[in-house]
């Protein structure tokens, strides 16, 4: 009887719970219709339990025992420069000595020093070349005073602009200046110098066009409009009308009434050409030519200045040089004659000037 009552109570509680309790099953969501093409399955790494004998598994160890310090310090990063430079110092020697030499001769030593500095800029449409060259040479012979063999001071600058990076033709402006350091004499006469510093001095300024190859070994400059200024600052040479300047006006007794001019200006046509090439192994040829003709005074008469040098390179520092220099200038007169009173009887005439040199020297670039 008791058992039946317990069963009836259990049934009533179950029915009551099913009617009034909240359903714990979440409502059904709509099915996603998105199509899935790729299924990513991630697996955990499986630890290797059995290692074959042929496999050597070691932990990486960093050691600095076998490393060495750098011999040279690391270079810091620098912004690329479009400037190139060249500094060259050269000294040439030649010597001859005689001891009881039956054929005769005099002991002699010659030395020539030269310095050249270049600073060149090139980037796309612009090229700017600058140089400074200094040369001086002496010759010493037994029982004779020192004599000058070479003397030059040259400065030059050329600015070029081109329309594109393909062509080698540039619109150019060129300026050059050259003179000498010390007095020049017509040996053995040492009393009357025939040239001095800035007597003469030449200055060229003009505009034109240039053809310059990519390796800059060939340079052709053509200027239809170039001014040439000749300076003779030594008044004695200016009074004599040296190097083309207007000479002084003298009276009958040879006294100066009007002093000579110290400068002479010309306007003309200029062509220059520089060429540097290797004609054989360790043998290079350098050619530098300048041609100038004045429009105003004597058009068609050409002033020539031509240098040709052959360099034979023994090693990095020792070079043998064979050089020639030819000059013709209608304004430089030779064989001028004066009488006992100092009056000029013959003005002189222009001549070809030629110089040849041979020397073995040491060259250092820095």
Protein backbone atom coordinates (compact mmCIF):
# COMPACT_ATOMS: atom_id res chain seq x y z
CA UNK A 1 0.00 0.00 0.00
CA UNK A 2 2.84 2.37 0.90
CA UNK A 3 4.65 1.48 -2.25
CA UNK A 4 1.74 2.45 -4.47
CA UNK A 5 1.53 5.87 -2.84
CA UNK A 6 5.22 6.60 -3.51
CA UNK A 7 4.85 5.66 -7.18
CA UNK A 8 1.81 7.92 -7.54
CA UNK A 9 3.71 10.90 -6.02
CA UNK A 10 6.68 10.35 -8.37
CA UNK A 11 4.41 10.28 -11.42
CA UNK A 12 2.67 13.51 -10.34
CA UNK A 13 6.03 15.31 -9.80
CA UNK A 14 7.29 14.21 -13.21
CA UNK A 15 4.20 15.49 -15.02
CA UNK A 16 4.38 18.82 -13.09
CA UNK A 17 8.04 19.32 -14.02
CA UNK A 18 7.45 18.59 -17.71
CA UNK A 19 4.61 21.15 -17.88
CA UNK A 20 6.08 24.11 -15.95
CA UNK A 21 9.91 23.80 -16.34
CA UNK A 22 11.97 25.72 -19.08
CA UNK A 23 13.34 23.75 -22.02
CA UNK A 24 17.21 23.73 -21.88
CA UNK A 25 17.70 22.81 -25.58
CA UNK A 26 18.64 25.96 -27.56
CA UNK A 27 16.44 26.84 -30.50
CA UNK A 28 17.62 25.58 -33.84
CA UNK A 29 19.58 28.21 -35.92
CA UNK A 30 19.17 28.48 -39.69
CA UNK A 31 21.65 26.44 -41.71
CA UNK A 32 24.59 28.48 -43.14
CA UNK A 33 24.52 28.21 -46.95
CA UNK A 34 28.15 29.38 -47.41
CA UNK A 35 30.19 26.90 -49.42
CA UNK A 36 33.47 25.90 -47.78
CA UNK A 37 36.19 24.87 -50.25
CA UNK A 38 39.13 24.47 -47.89
CA UNK A 39 39.27 22.71 -44.60
CA UNK A 40 42.29 23.40 -42.35
CA UNK A 41 43.23 20.59 -40.04
CA UNK A 42 45.82 21.42 -37.41
CA UNK A 43 47.91 18.69 -35.90
CA UNK A 44 50.17 18.83 -32.96
CA UNK A 45 53.83 17.98 -33.42
CA UNK A 46 54.69 14.44 -32.61
CA UNK A 47 57.75 14.01 -30.50
CA UNK A 48 60.43 11.79 -31.99
CA UNK A 49 60.88 8.80 -29.74
CA UNK A 50 63.18 6.59 -31.77
CA UNK A 51 66.23 8.36 -33.32
CA UNK A 52 68.31 6.39 -35.87
CA UNK A 53 71.97 6.00 -35.10
CA UNK A 54 73.03 7.83 -38.30
CA UNK A 55 71.29 11.01 -37.22
CA UNK A 56 73.15 13.44 -34.94
CA UNK A 57 70.83 15.79 -33.13
CA UNK A 58 72.68 18.50 -31.22
CA UNK A 59 71.59 21.71 -29.66
CA UNK A 60 72.99 24.85 -31.49
CA UNK A 61 75.81 26.47 -29.53
CA UNK A 62 77.17 29.97 -30.35
CA UNK A 63 80.88 30.35 -29.72
CA UNK A 64 83.28 33.21 -30.39
CA UNK A 65 86.47 31.28 -29.71
CA UNK A 66 87.47 30.95 -33.40
CA UNK A 67 86.55 34.49 -34.48
CA UNK A 68 89.21 37.15 -35.18
CA UNK A 69 89.08 40.91 -34.90
CA UNK A 70 88.85 42.95 -38.12
CA UNK A 71 92.21 44.20 -39.39
CA UNK A 72 90.64 47.36 -40.76
CA UNK A 73 87.89 49.34 -39.16
CA UNK A 74 84.55 49.06 -40.92
CA UNK A 75 83.89 51.94 -43.30
CA UNK A 76 81.02 54.19 -42.52
CA UNK A 77 78.37 54.66 -45.15
CA UNK A 78 78.89 57.74 -47.24
CA UNK A 79 76.59 59.41 -49.71
CA UNK A 80 77.94 58.76 -53.25
CA UNK A 81 79.77 61.77 -54.71
CA UNK A 82 79.79 62.84 -58.33
CA UNK A 83 83.18 64.52 -57.92
CA UNK A 84 86.40 62.82 -59.03
CA UNK A 85 89.85 64.06 -58.10
CA UNK A 86 93.44 63.45 -59.11
CA UNK A 87 96.60 64.69 -57.36
CA UNK A 88 99.89 63.81 -59.07
CA UNK A 89 103.46 64.67 -58.14
CA UNK A 90 106.26 63.86 -60.56
CA UNK A 91 110.04 64.35 -60.49
CA UNK A 92 112.23 63.60 -63.54
CA UNK A 93 116.02 63.30 -63.49
CA UNK A 94 118.78 63.07 -66.05
CA UNK A 95 122.51 62.95 -65.29
CA UNK A 96 125.83 62.54 -67.06
CA UNK A 97 129.28 62.32 -65.44
CA UNK A 98 132.80 62.04 -66.89
CA UNK A 99 136.04 60.86 -65.28
CA UNK A 100 139.20 61.10 -67.42
CA UNK A 101 136.99 60.89 -70.51
CA UNK A 102 139.15 61.16 -73.61
CA UNK A 103 136.33 62.42 -75.84
CA UNK A 104 135.66 65.30 -73.46
CA UNK A 105 132.41 66.55 -71.93
CA UNK A 106 130.98 68.31 -68.92
CA UNK A 107 129.24 66.83 -65.90
CA UNK A 108 125.57 67.80 -65.88
CA UNK A 109 122.46 67.16 -63.81
CA UNK A 110 118.91 68.09 -64.79
CA UNK A 111 115.74 67.95 -62.74
CA UNK A 112 112.12 68.67 -63.54
CA UNK A 113 109.29 68.79 -61.02
CA UNK A 114 105.62 68.87 -61.92
CA UNK A 115 102.37 68.97 -59.99
CA UNK A 116 98.88 68.46 -61.40
CA UNK A 117 95.58 68.69 -59.56
CA UNK A 118 92.19 67.87 -61.09
CA UNK A 119 88.67 68.27 -59.69
CA UNK A 120 85.96 67.06 -62.05
CA UNK A 121 82.18 66.86 -61.62
CA UNK A 122 79.84 64.81 -63.80
CA UNK A 123 76.16 64.02 -63.24
CA UNK A 124 73.56 63.48 -65.95
CA UNK A 125 73.47 66.71 -67.98
CA UNK A 126 76.34 68.61 -66.35
CA UNK A 127 80.11 68.17 -66.60
CA UNK A 128 82.56 70.56 -64.95
CA UNK A 129 86.33 69.98 -65.33
CA UNK A 130 89.01 71.94 -63.43
CA UNK A 131 92.79 71.59 -63.33
CA UNK A 132 95.91 73.27 -61.97
CA UNK A 133 99.35 72.38 -63.40
CA UNK A 134 102.75 73.55 -62.15
CA UNK A 135 106.11 72.74 -63.83
CA UNK A 136 109.65 73.90 -63.16
CA UNK A 137 112.97 72.51 -64.36
CA UNK A 138 116.66 73.34 -63.82
CA UNK A 139 119.91 72.25 -65.41
CA UNK A 140 123.29 72.37 -63.68
CA UNK A 141 126.55 71.91 -65.57
CA UNK A 142 130.13 71.98 -64.39
CA UNK A 143 131.62 75.49 -64.28
CA UNK A 144 128.29 77.06 -65.30
CA UNK A 145 125.43 78.66 -63.40
CA UNK A 146 122.00 77.11 -63.14
CA UNK A 147 119.80 77.40 -66.19
CA UNK A 148 116.05 77.07 -66.45
CA UNK A 149 114.74 74.28 -68.67
CA UNK A 150 110.98 74.46 -68.03
CA UNK A 151 108.61 76.90 -66.37
CA UNK A 152 104.81 76.84 -66.51
CA UNK A 153 101.77 77.76 -64.43
CA UNK A 154 98.42 76.73 -65.94
CA UNK A 155 94.85 76.94 -64.66
CA UNK A 156 91.78 75.84 -66.59
CA UNK A 157 88.04 75.33 -66.11
CA UNK A 158 85.39 74.04 -68.55
CA UNK A 159 81.66 73.89 -67.81
CA UNK A 160 79.46 71.79 -70.10
CA UNK A 161 75.71 71.15 -70.34
CA UNK A 162 73.96 68.61 -72.59
CA UNK A 163 70.26 68.20 -73.40
CA UNK A 164 70.07 64.46 -72.66
CA UNK A 165 72.19 61.65 -71.23
CA UNK A 166 72.74 59.91 -74.58
CA UNK A 167 74.60 62.53 -76.60
CA UNK A 168 78.30 63.32 -76.13
CA UNK A 169 77.91 66.93 -77.34
CA UNK A 170 77.87 69.67 -74.71
CA UNK A 171 77.25 73.41 -74.72
CA UNK A 172 80.46 74.62 -73.10
CA UNK A 173 82.08 77.66 -71.51
CA UNK A 174 85.87 77.51 -71.20
CA UNK A 175 88.39 79.67 -69.32
CA UNK A 176 92.17 79.12 -69.18
CA UNK A 177 95.12 81.07 -67.83
CA UNK A 178 98.85 80.41 -68.12
CA UNK A 179 102.08 82.21 -67.31
CA UNK A 180 105.50 81.40 -65.75
CA UNK A 181 107.18 81.64 -62.35
CA UNK A 182 110.60 83.22 -62.90
CA UNK A 183 112.63 85.25 -65.39
CA UNK A 184 113.57 83.75 -68.72
CA UNK A 185 116.85 84.54 -70.47
CA UNK A 186 118.47 83.99 -73.83
CA UNK A 187 121.55 82.27 -72.42
CA UNK A 188 124.37 83.08 -71.84
CA UNK A 189 122.99 86.65 -71.51
CA UNK A 190 121.62 87.01 -67.98
CA UNK A 191 121.35 90.79 -67.87
CA UNK A 192 118.24 91.29 -69.98
CA UNK A 193 115.35 88.95 -69.28
CA UNK A 194 113.16 88.15 -72.26
CA UNK A 195 110.20 87.05 -70.09
CA UNK A 196 109.01 87.34 -66.49
CA UNK A 197 106.09 86.37 -64.28
CA UNK A 198 102.93 87.69 -66.01
CA UNK A 199 105.10 88.83 -68.89
CA UNK A 200 103.56 87.23 -70.75
CA UNK A 201 100.33 86.00 -69.18
CA UNK A 202 97.54 84.63 -71.35
CA UNK A 203 93.84 84.44 -70.49
CA UNK A 204 91.23 82.79 -72.73
CA UNK A 205 87.47 83.03 -72.18
CA UNK A 206 84.92 81.75 -74.66
CA UNK A 207 81.79 79.74 -75.35
CA UNK A 208 81.11 76.98 -77.83
CA UNK A 209 80.49 73.26 -78.01
CA UNK A 210 82.44 70.20 -76.85
CA UNK A 211 82.47 66.56 -77.83
CA UNK A 212 83.53 64.43 -74.84
CA UNK A 213 83.54 60.63 -74.84
CA UNK A 214 82.16 58.67 -71.90
CA UNK A 215 85.64 57.62 -70.73
CA UNK A 216 86.76 61.28 -71.11
CA UNK A 217 89.84 60.21 -73.08
CA UNK A 218 88.88 62.38 -76.06
CA UNK A 219 87.82 66.03 -75.78
CA UNK A 220 87.18 68.34 -78.76
CA UNK A 221 86.23 71.95 -78.03
CA UNK A 222 85.09 74.38 -80.78
CA UNK A 223 84.45 78.02 -79.90
CA UNK A 224 83.49 80.57 -82.58
CA UNK A 225 83.73 83.38 -80.01
CA UNK A 226 86.76 83.49 -77.67
CA UNK A 227 88.50 86.45 -76.12
CA UNK A 228 92.28 86.25 -75.73
CA UNK A 229 93.98 88.68 -73.36
CA UNK A 230 97.78 89.00 -73.35
CA UNK A 231 99.35 90.65 -70.30
CA UNK A 232 102.86 92.13 -70.12
CA UNK A 233 103.21 93.65 -66.66
CA UNK A 234 106.96 94.26 -66.91
CA UNK A 235 107.16 97.82 -68.20
CA UNK A 236 110.54 97.40 -69.89
CA UNK A 237 109.23 94.51 -71.97
CA UNK A 238 105.99 96.41 -72.60
CA UNK A 239 107.95 99.44 -73.88
CA UNK A 240 109.68 97.13 -76.37
CA UNK A 241 106.30 95.87 -77.61
CA UNK A 242 106.98 92.29 -76.49
CA UNK A 243 104.35 89.60 -77.09
CA UNK A 244 102.17 91.82 -79.30
CA UNK A 245 101.36 94.74 -76.94
CA UNK A 246 101.56 98.32 -78.19
CA UNK A 247 105.14 99.50 -77.68
CA UNK A 248 106.20 102.83 -76.21
CA UNK A 249 106.51 106.05 -78.17
CA UNK A 250 110.07 107.46 -77.99
CA UNK A 251 111.55 110.82 -78.86
CA UNK A 252 114.66 111.33 -80.95
CA UNK A 253 116.90 110.78 -77.93
CA UNK A 254 115.23 107.48 -77.03
CA UNK A 255 113.28 108.83 -74.09
CA UNK A 256 109.84 107.39 -73.43
CA UNK A 257 107.02 109.78 -74.29
CA UNK A 258 104.15 107.34 -74.01
CA UNK A 259 104.80 104.08 -72.14
CA UNK A 260 103.93 100.80 -73.75
CA UNK A 261 100.61 99.07 -73.13
CA UNK A 262 100.48 96.31 -70.53
CA UNK A 263 97.72 94.30 -72.19
CA UNK A 264 96.47 93.32 -75.62
CA UNK A 265 92.93 92.06 -76.30
CA UNK A 266 91.94 89.82 -79.22
CA UNK A 267 88.64 88.22 -80.28
CA UNK A 268 88.75 85.12 -82.40
CA UNK A 269 88.07 81.45 -83.14
CA UNK A 270 89.47 78.72 -80.86
CA UNK A 271 89.76 74.95 -81.32
CA UNK A 272 91.29 72.68 -78.69
CA UNK A 273 91.69 68.92 -78.67
CA UNK A 274 92.89 66.54 -75.95
CA UNK A 275 93.40 62.84 -76.56
CA UNK A 276 94.77 60.16 -74.22
CA UNK A 277 95.18 56.60 -75.49
CA UNK A 278 97.18 53.43 -74.86
CA UNK A 279 99.17 52.43 -77.94
CA UNK A 280 100.75 49.37 -76.30
CA UNK A 281 100.97 47.68 -72.94
CA UNK A 282 102.27 50.22 -70.39
CA UNK A 283 102.72 52.80 -73.18
CA UNK A 284 100.37 55.79 -73.36
CA UNK A 285 100.20 58.76 -75.72
CA UNK A 286 98.85 62.17 -74.67
CA UNK A 287 98.11 64.91 -77.16
CA UNK A 288 97.04 68.50 -76.37
CA UNK A 289 96.46 70.91 -79.28
CA UNK A 290 95.24 74.52 -79.32
CA UNK A 291 94.54 76.57 -82.48
CA UNK A 292 93.51 80.23 -82.32
CA UNK A 293 92.86 82.85 -85.01
CA UNK A 294 92.01 86.50 -84.34
CA UNK A 295 89.06 88.08 -86.18
CA UNK A 296 90.09 91.72 -85.73
CA UNK A 297 93.79 91.99 -86.59
CA UNK A 298 94.97 89.07 -88.70
CA UNK A 299 92.18 86.59 -89.37
CA UNK A 300 93.53 83.44 -91.01
CA UNK A 301 96.83 83.62 -89.17
CA UNK A 302 96.72 80.71 -86.68
CA UNK A 303 98.50 80.59 -83.32
CA UNK A 304 99.53 77.01 -82.55
CA UNK A 305 100.25 75.43 -79.16
CA UNK A 306 100.80 71.66 -79.37
CA UNK A 307 102.11 69.29 -76.69
CA UNK A 308 102.76 65.59 -77.35
CA UNK A 309 103.91 63.22 -74.59
CA UNK A 310 104.78 59.53 -74.72
CA UNK A 311 104.82 57.81 -71.32
CA UNK A 312 106.47 54.41 -70.82
CA UNK A 313 105.38 52.95 -67.49
CA UNK A 314 107.96 50.71 -65.81
CA UNK A 315 105.84 50.10 -62.70
CA UNK A 316 103.35 51.97 -60.55
CA UNK A 317 105.82 54.72 -59.62
CA UNK A 318 108.58 54.83 -62.26
CA UNK A 319 107.76 56.37 -65.65
CA UNK A 320 109.90 57.33 -68.63
CA UNK A 321 108.63 60.37 -70.50
CA UNK A 322 109.40 61.59 -74.02
CA UNK A 323 107.79 64.94 -74.75
CA UNK A 324 107.66 67.63 -77.40
CA UNK A 325 106.16 71.13 -77.30
CA UNK A 326 105.65 73.28 -80.40
CA UNK A 327 104.49 76.93 -80.32
CA UNK A 328 103.90 79.42 -83.10
CA UNK A 329 102.54 82.87 -82.23
CA UNK A 330 102.63 85.69 -84.74
CA UNK A 331 102.87 88.22 -81.89
CA UNK A 332 106.13 86.79 -80.49
CA UNK A 333 109.04 88.24 -82.48
CA UNK A 334 112.67 87.11 -82.58
CA UNK A 335 115.97 88.64 -83.78
CA UNK A 336 115.03 92.21 -82.79
CA UNK A 337 117.86 94.65 -83.51
CA UNK A 338 118.66 98.01 -81.88
CA UNK A 339 121.46 100.46 -82.57
CA UNK A 340 123.95 101.92 -80.12
CA UNK A 341 121.47 104.62 -79.06
CA UNK A 342 118.81 102.05 -78.23
CA UNK A 343 116.66 102.82 -81.27
CA UNK A 344 115.02 99.83 -82.91
CA UNK A 345 116.36 99.08 -86.37
CA UNK A 346 114.56 95.77 -86.93
CA UNK A 347 111.36 94.73 -85.18
CA UNK A 348 112.04 91.02 -85.62
CA UNK A 349 109.96 88.19 -87.04
CA UNK A 350 107.93 85.28 -85.65
CA UNK A 351 109.49 81.83 -85.54
CA UNK A 352 108.46 78.30 -84.67
CA UNK A 353 109.37 77.45 -81.07
CA UNK A 354 110.17 73.80 -80.39
CA UNK A 355 111.17 71.95 -77.22
CA UNK A 356 112.00 68.27 -76.73
CA UNK A 357 112.53 66.49 -73.42
CA UNK A 358 113.45 63.01 -72.26
CA UNK A 359 113.54 61.92 -68.65
CA UNK A 360 113.06 59.08 -66.20
CA UNK A 361 111.17 59.99 -63.10
CA UNK A 362 109.08 59.03 -60.12
CA UNK A 363 105.35 59.68 -60.06
CA UNK A 364 103.16 59.61 -56.98
CA UNK A 365 99.40 60.00 -56.93
CA UNK A 366 97.53 60.89 -53.75
